[in-house]
Amino acid sequence: MDIETRNFGVVSYSEEDVIHFEEGIPGFEGLKSFILLSSEEFTPFKWLQSLDDTDIAFVIIDPKAIIKDYKIELDVETVKALDIKDLNHILVFAIVVIPDEIEKMTANLKAPIIINAENNKGMQILLDNDEYMIKHPILKELKNADT
């Protein structure tokens, strides 16, 4: 299948690529179907492209690219909602905000996106701790990771 996106032009995907967010993403509850897009040119960033509104794509990043020992604990409700059988099949991403002043780029480490790669179910969760921030500055960490 093909979709026309605002940011990437025509993108081809298959039904197996579609990630289903039963509750949507907070603030975007009406958007339920997404695909992951990536490009070597933009590593370590990826995009969570909406299929319901092709003008919307979230910039995302693996939190471990920012904090190497980033860890989360999934509660029973999340495990049930995503039908998680094997934690090795879980993908974790943080949504990135890139303002006009790029040096103020932040990632939401407090509310990661969790995807069960076995069944392509996803959701955004809110971590119940004060260890991570909603607006974690990331440019410095990314520059340090490259050196």
Protein backbone atom coordinates (compact mmCIF):
# COMPACT_ATOMS: atom_id res chain seq x y z
CA MET A 1 0.00 0.00 0.00
CA ASP A 2 1.08 3.59 -0.55
CA ILE A 3 0.34 6.80 1.33
CA GLU A 4 1.16 10.40 0.49
CA THR A 5 2.81 12.08 3.48
CA ARG A 6 3.61 15.72 4.06
CA ASN A 7 7.19 15.09 5.17
CA PHE A 8 8.25 12.06 3.14
CA GLY A 9 6.20 12.10 -0.06
CA VAL A 10 4.83 8.72 -1.14
CA VAL A 11 5.63 5.93 1.31
CA SER A 12 5.01 2.24 0.64
CA TYR A 13 4.11 -0.11 3.48
CA SER A 14 2.38 -3.42 4.11
CA GLU A 15 -0.34 -4.31 6.61
CA GLU A 16 2.30 -6.07 8.73
CA ASP A 17 4.05 -2.69 9.20
CA VAL A 18 1.03 -1.02 10.81
CA ILE A 19 1.30 -0.36 14.54
CA HIS A 20 -2.06 -0.10 16.29
CA PHE A 21 -2.56 2.31 19.20
CA GLU A 22 -5.95 1.30 20.59
CA GLU A 23 -6.22 4.47 22.69
CA GLY A 24 -4.30 6.67 20.27
CA ILE A 25 -1.55 8.89 21.68
CA PRO A 26 -2.45 11.47 24.37
CA GLY A 27 -3.53 14.62 22.57
CA PHE A 28 -4.02 12.61 19.36
CA GLU A 29 -6.54 10.02 20.55
CA GLY A 30 -8.19 9.83 17.12
CA LEU A 31 -4.98 8.61 15.49
CA LYS A 32 -4.77 4.85 15.92
CA SER A 33 -2.65 3.51 13.03
CA PHE A 34 1.03 4.31 12.50
CA ILE A 35 4.12 3.04 10.72
CA LEU A 36 7.77 3.47 11.68
CA LEU A 37 9.96 5.28 9.18
CA SER A 38 13.73 5.57 9.35
CA SER A 39 16.61 6.79 7.26
CA GLU A 40 20.37 6.40 7.71
CA GLU A 41 20.62 10.11 7.00
CA PHE A 42 18.69 10.96 10.17
CA THR A 43 20.02 8.30 12.57
CA PRO A 44 19.40 8.05 15.54
CA PHE A 45 15.97 9.57 14.84
CA LYS A 46 12.97 7.73 13.42
CA TRP A 47 9.42 8.83 12.67
CA LEU A 48 6.12 7.46 13.88
CA GLN A 49 4.00 8.32 10.84
CA SER A 50 0.23 8.46 11.27
CA LEU A 51 -1.83 6.65 8.65
CA ASP A 52 -5.02 8.34 9.88
CA ASP A 53 -3.68 11.86 9.29
CA THR A 54 -0.72 11.76 6.93
CA ASP A 55 0.27 15.32 7.90
CA ILE A 56 1.27 14.03 11.34
CA ALA A 57 4.53 12.25 12.10
CA PHE A 58 6.24 12.20 15.49
CA VAL A 59 10.03 12.36 15.63
CA ILE A 60 11.14 9.58 17.98
CA ILE A 61 14.40 8.24 19.35
CA ASP A 62 15.56 5.23 21.35
CA PRO A 63 16.00 6.67 24.87
CA LYS A 64 19.21 4.65 25.25
CA ALA A 65 20.78 6.89 22.60
CA ILE A 66 20.40 9.67 25.19
CA ILE A 67 20.79 7.83 28.51
CA LYS A 68 22.60 4.51 28.12
CA ASP A 69 21.09 2.99 31.27
CA TYR A 70 17.51 4.18 30.58
CA LYS A 71 15.17 1.64 32.13
CA ILE A 72 11.43 1.34 32.51
CA GLU A 73 9.17 -0.98 34.42
CA LEU A 74 5.97 -2.02 32.71
CA ASP A 75 2.93 -2.35 34.93
CA VAL A 76 0.50 -5.25 34.66
CA GLU A 77 -2.07 -3.13 32.80
CA THR A 78 0.45 -2.25 30.06
CA VAL A 79 1.58 -5.87 29.71
CA LYS A 80 -2.05 -6.95 29.32
CA ALA A 81 -3.04 -4.09 26.99
CA LEU A 82 -0.14 -4.82 24.63
CA ASP A 83 -0.43 -8.62 25.08
CA ILE A 84 3.28 -8.82 25.93
CA LYS A 85 4.64 -12.37 26.14
CA ASP A 86 8.36 -11.66 25.70
CA LEU A 87 10.06 -8.47 26.90
CA ASN A 88 12.77 -8.97 24.26
CA HIS A 89 10.22 -7.98 21.62
CA ILE A 90 9.45 -4.59 23.14
CA LEU A 91 10.53 -1.40 21.38
CA VAL A 92 10.82 1.77 23.45
CA PHE A 93 10.92 5.27 21.98
CA ALA A 94 10.80 8.82 23.28
CA ILE A 95 8.96 11.54 21.38
CA VAL A 96 11.31 14.37 20.39
CA VAL A 97 10.37 18.04 20.14
CA ILE A 98 12.54 20.04 17.72
CA PRO A 99 11.90 23.77 18.15
CA ASP A 100 13.17 26.54 15.87
CA GLU A 101 16.22 26.84 18.13
CA ILE A 102 17.56 23.31 17.58
CA GLU A 103 19.85 23.51 20.61
CA LYS A 104 16.66 23.46 22.73
CA MET A 105 15.62 20.05 21.33
CA THR A 106 14.06 17.81 24.00
CA ALA A 107 12.85 14.24 24.40
CA ASN A 108 9.97 13.06 26.56
CA LEU A 109 11.66 10.38 28.67
CA LYS A 110 8.86 10.42 31.25
CA ALA A 111 6.19 9.15 28.83
CA PRO A 112 7.77 6.69 26.38
CA ILE A 113 6.10 5.00 23.44
CA ILE A 114 6.02 1.22 23.94
CA ILE A 115 5.55 -1.11 20.96
CA ASN A 116 5.13 -4.87 21.11
CA ALA A 117 6.97 -5.93 17.94
CA GLU A 118 5.31 -9.37 18.02
CA ASN A 119 1.79 -8.06 17.43
CA ASN A 120 2.38 -4.37 16.51
CA LYS A 121 0.36 -3.02 19.42
CA GLY A 122 1.56 0.27 20.86
CA MET A 123 0.80 2.81 23.53
CA GLN A 124 2.32 5.76 25.31
CA ILE A 125 2.77 5.23 29.03
CA LEU A 126 3.50 7.63 31.88
CA LEU A 127 6.29 6.41 34.15
CA ASP A 128 5.52 6.58 37.84
CA ASN A 129 8.87 7.97 38.97
CA ASP A 130 10.75 11.24 39.06
CA GLU A 131 13.91 9.90 37.43
CA TYR A 132 13.07 11.13 33.91
CA MET A 133 11.79 14.44 32.58
CA ILE A 134 9.08 15.29 30.06
CA LYS A 135 11.43 17.85 28.44
CA HIS A 136 14.88 16.30 28.68
CA PRO A 137 17.45 18.35 26.69
CA ILE A 138 19.17 15.95 24.28
CA LEU A 139 21.52 17.80 21.94
CA LYS A 140 24.50 17.64 24.32
CA GLU A 141 24.03 13.90 24.96
CA LEU A 142 23.72 13.17 21.25
CA LYS A 143 26.90 15.14 20.49
CA ASN A 144 28.75 13.28 23.26
CA ALA A 145 27.55 9.93 21.90
CA ASP A 146 29.13 10.75 18.52
CA THR A 147 32.58 11.39 20.03
